Amino acid sequence: MKNNFEIEFKTLITKDKYDDLLGMLNLENNIFPQTNHYFDTKDLEIINNKMVLRIRQKKHNYKLTSKGHLDPGAFETHIFLDEDQALDMLKNGFDANIIGIDKQVQKVCELTTFRASTPYKNGTLFLDMSVYYGHVDYEIEFEVDSFEQGKIEFEQMLKEFDIPFVESISKSKRAYQGYKEVKNQTTK
């Protein structure tokens, strides 16, 4: 198991701004897909407790992550999975005690992100196009080691690239909301 503390700043952007930034930063050929498979109990106890439990899939690589939000960042625990183990968990659910959560969980929803990344000042800049349940959105994430320095650099970046700040909710919450919309439509 690996632990880390994550600090990130983010904002939603338009498709045009996303396309412009890909070109300006020469990232058009640096886009890779990753799918986040989100897990929870039947009563959604994990997301309701402001936590996330996911398996992130990049090609044939799988990483199980639990993420708890701490101000001003998030504490993450990771376990790398082999493909057979991950596919079994995706299909059948699993006992989340393996990552420190005392719950039986099942896959609830998923979101696929087409991500480009580049070093930027004292952090890493991610340009994301996320696709989930009929929705497509675009977002910038700036991941840093220092909250204070990261905030300054993020605000400078927004000015430099003429990006208005638009608060975004987490990808996990967007995926859950999209899933609920689809589920509500099919039960009507």
Protein backbone atom coordinates (compact mmCIF):
# COMPACT_ATOMS: atom_id res chain seq x y z
CA MET A 1 0.00 0.00 0.00
CA LYS A 2 1.19 3.49 -0.85
CA ASN A 3 -0.06 6.71 0.78
CA ASN A 4 0.19 10.29 -0.40
CA PHE A 5 -1.30 13.72 0.23
CA GLU A 6 -2.64 15.43 -2.89
CA ILE A 7 -3.07 19.18 -3.37
CA GLU A 8 -4.77 20.32 -6.54
CA PHE A 9 -6.50 23.37 -7.96
CA LYS A 10 -9.03 23.04 -10.74
CA THR A 11 -11.55 24.83 -12.88
CA LEU A 12 -13.98 23.85 -15.59
CA ILE A 13 -13.20 25.26 -19.03
CA THR A 14 -14.94 25.36 -22.40
CA LYS A 15 -14.19 22.98 -25.24
CA ASP A 16 -12.70 25.87 -27.22
CA LYS A 17 -10.33 26.78 -24.36
CA TYR A 18 -9.41 23.10 -23.94
CA ASP A 19 -8.56 22.86 -27.66
CA ASP A 20 -6.62 26.16 -27.53
CA LEU A 21 -4.56 25.02 -24.53
CA LEU A 22 -3.77 21.64 -26.13
CA GLY A 23 -2.31 23.53 -29.09
CA MET A 24 -0.53 26.25 -27.08
CA LEU A 25 1.14 23.66 -24.83
CA ASN A 26 1.85 21.20 -27.69
CA LEU A 27 -0.15 18.44 -25.99
CA GLU A 28 -2.31 17.25 -28.90
CA ASN A 29 -0.28 14.02 -29.19
CA ASN A 30 0.02 13.50 -25.42
CA ILE A 31 -3.59 12.51 -24.66
CA PHE A 32 -4.26 9.18 -22.98
CA PRO A 33 -7.51 7.64 -21.73
CA GLN A 34 -8.09 6.49 -18.18
CA THR A 35 -11.30 5.15 -16.71
CA ASN A 36 -12.27 5.61 -13.08
CA HIS A 37 -14.57 2.83 -11.85
CA TYR A 38 -16.28 4.03 -8.65
CA PHE A 39 -17.37 1.66 -5.88
CA ASP A 40 -19.73 2.10 -2.97
CA THR A 41 -22.21 0.33 -0.73
CA LYS A 42 -25.87 0.00 -1.74
CA ASP A 43 -26.65 3.01 0.46
CA LEU A 44 -23.74 5.09 -0.95
CA GLU A 45 -22.11 5.32 2.47
CA ILE A 46 -18.67 6.06 1.04
CA ILE A 47 -19.53 9.07 -1.14
CA ASN A 48 -21.93 10.36 1.53
CA ASN A 49 -18.97 10.39 3.96
CA LYS A 50 -16.95 12.54 1.52
CA MET A 51 -14.71 9.67 0.48
CA VAL A 52 -13.99 8.07 -2.88
CA LEU A 53 -13.19 4.46 -3.66
CA ARG A 54 -12.15 3.74 -7.23
CA ILE A 55 -10.20 1.52 -9.52
CA ARG A 56 -8.37 3.59 -12.12
CA GLN A 57 -7.71 1.72 -15.34
CA LYS A 58 -5.00 2.87 -17.78
CA LYS A 59 -4.86 0.30 -20.58
CA HIS A 60 -4.10 -2.96 -18.70
CA ASN A 61 -2.86 -1.28 -15.52
CA TYR A 62 -5.17 -1.00 -12.51
CA LYS A 63 -4.83 0.94 -9.27
CA LEU A 64 -7.26 0.78 -6.36
CA THR A 65 -7.48 4.11 -4.52
CA SER A 66 -9.32 5.32 -1.46
CA LYS A 67 -9.43 9.08 -1.16
CA GLY A 68 -10.50 11.10 1.84
CA HIS A 69 -10.72 14.86 1.66
CA LEU A 70 -8.66 16.92 4.08
CA ASP A 71 -8.42 20.70 3.95
CA PRO A 72 -6.64 21.87 1.74
CA GLY A 73 -6.14 18.58 -0.13
CA ALA A 74 -6.84 14.88 -0.11
CA PHE A 75 -5.21 11.88 1.53
CA GLU A 76 -4.93 8.92 -0.81
CA THR A 77 -4.08 5.26 -0.32
CA HIS A 78 -3.18 3.17 -3.37
CA ILE A 79 -2.88 -0.53 -4.11
CA PHE A 80 -1.72 -1.74 -7.52
CA LEU A 81 -3.78 -4.65 -8.83
CA ASP A 82 -3.07 -7.27 -11.44
CA GLU A 83 -5.54 -7.44 -14.30
CA ASP A 84 -7.33 -10.64 -13.21
CA GLN A 85 -7.81 -9.30 -9.68
CA ALA A 86 -9.12 -5.96 -10.98
CA LEU A 87 -11.52 -7.53 -13.47
CA ASP A 88 -12.93 -9.78 -10.75
CA MET A 89 -13.45 -6.77 -8.45
CA LEU A 90 -15.14 -4.81 -11.26
CA LYS A 91 -17.51 -7.69 -11.96
CA ASN A 92 -18.22 -8.98 -8.44
CA GLY A 93 -17.39 -6.17 -6.03
CA PHE A 94 -15.06 -6.76 -3.08
CA ASP A 95 -14.39 -6.40 0.62
CA ALA A 96 -12.88 -2.91 0.93
CA ASN A 97 -11.04 -3.91 4.12
CA ILE A 98 -8.08 -4.53 1.80
CA ILE A 99 -7.71 -0.74 1.61
CA GLY A 100 -8.91 0.13 5.12
CA ILE A 101 -12.66 0.59 4.57
CA ASP A 102 -14.87 -1.81 6.51
CA LYS A 103 -17.53 -2.26 3.79
CA GLN A 104 -18.62 -4.67 1.07
CA VAL A 105 -18.73 -2.65 -2.14
CA GLN A 106 -19.95 -2.95 -5.71
CA LYS A 107 -19.19 -0.91 -8.80
CA VAL A 108 -21.66 1.97 -8.98
CA CYS A 109 -20.55 4.12 -11.92
CA GLU A 110 -17.63 5.11 -14.11
CA LEU A 111 -16.11 8.08 -15.90
CA THR A 112 -13.51 8.10 -18.68
CA THR A 113 -11.05 10.97 -18.91
CA PHE A 114 -8.90 11.78 -21.91
CA ARG A 115 -5.95 13.42 -20.16
CA ALA A 116 -2.93 15.39 -21.28
CA SER A 117 -0.29 16.46 -18.78
CA THR A 118 2.79 18.64 -18.65
CA PRO A 119 5.09 20.07 -16.01
CA TYR A 120 4.07 23.64 -15.26
CA LYS A 121 5.96 25.95 -12.90
CA ASN A 122 6.22 24.03 -9.57
CA GLY A 123 3.56 21.43 -10.35
CA THR A 124 1.87 19.36 -13.03
CA LEU A 125 -0.87 20.70 -15.28
CA PHE A 126 -3.56 18.31 -16.50
CA LEU A 127 -6.02 19.05 -19.29
CA ASP A 128 -9.00 16.71 -19.01
CA MET A 129 -11.94 15.89 -21.23
CA SER A 130 -14.28 13.65 -19.22
CA VAL A 131 -17.06 11.51 -20.70
CA TYR A 132 -19.78 9.94 -18.55
CA TYR A 133 -23.45 9.03 -19.00
CA GLY A 134 -24.09 11.31 -21.98
CA HIS A 135 -22.07 14.22 -20.54
CA VAL A 136 -18.76 15.67 -21.76
CA ASP A 137 -16.90 18.32 -19.78
CA TYR A 138 -13.49 19.96 -19.83
CA GLU A 139 -11.31 20.82 -16.88
CA ILE A 140 -7.85 21.97 -15.86
CA GLU A 141 -6.20 20.46 -12.79
CA PHE A 142 -2.98 21.82 -11.35
CA GLU A 143 -1.36 19.42 -8.89
CA VAL A 144 1.27 20.83 -6.53
CA ASP A 145 3.23 20.08 -3.36
CA SER A 146 2.64 23.46 -1.67
CA PHE A 147 -0.82 24.93 -1.21
CA GLU A 148 0.36 28.54 -0.90
CA GLN A 149 2.72 28.47 -3.90
CA GLY A 150 0.24 26.42 -5.94
CA LYS A 151 -2.58 28.88 -5.33
CA ILE A 152 -0.41 31.78 -6.54
CA GLU A 153 0.73 29.88 -9.64
CA PHE A 154 -2.80 28.66 -10.43
CA GLU A 155 -4.20 32.19 -10.25
CA GLN A 156 -1.33 33.47 -12.44
CA MET A 157 -2.03 30.70 -14.96
CA LEU A 158 -5.72 31.64 -15.12
CA LYS A 159 -4.74 35.24 -15.92
CA GLU A 160 -2.01 34.26 -18.39
CA PHE A 161 -4.31 31.99 -20.39
CA ASP A 162 -7.42 34.21 -19.94
CA ILE A 163 -9.40 31.51 -18.14
CA PRO A 164 -12.35 32.47 -15.94
CA PHE A 165 -12.53 30.42 -12.76
CA VAL A 166 -15.53 28.08 -12.74
CA GLU A 167 -15.80 25.93 -9.64
CA SER A 168 -16.06 22.26 -10.42
CA ILE A 169 -17.19 19.36 -8.33
CA SER A 170 -15.07 16.22 -8.22
CA LYS A 171 -15.12 13.75 -11.08
CA SER A 172 -16.55 11.13 -8.74
CA LYS A 173 -19.54 13.34 -7.86
CA ARG A 174 -20.10 14.18 -11.53
CA ALA A 175 -20.08 10.47 -12.39
CA TYR A 176 -22.52 9.66 -9.56
CA GLN A 177 -24.84 12.49 -10.67
CA GLY A 178 -24.74 11.34 -14.30
CA TYR A 179 -25.44 7.78 -13.23
CA LYS A 180 -28.41 8.90 -11.10
CA GLU A 181 -29.84 10.91 -14.02
CA VAL A 182 -29.69 7.87 -16.31
CA LYS A 183 -31.10 5.59 -13.61
CA ASN A 184 -34.00 7.99 -12.93
CA GLN A 185 -34.82 8.21 -16.64
CA THR A 186 -34.95 4.44 -17.02
CA THR A 187 -37.24 3.99 -14.00
CA LYS A 188 -39.86 6.45 -15.29
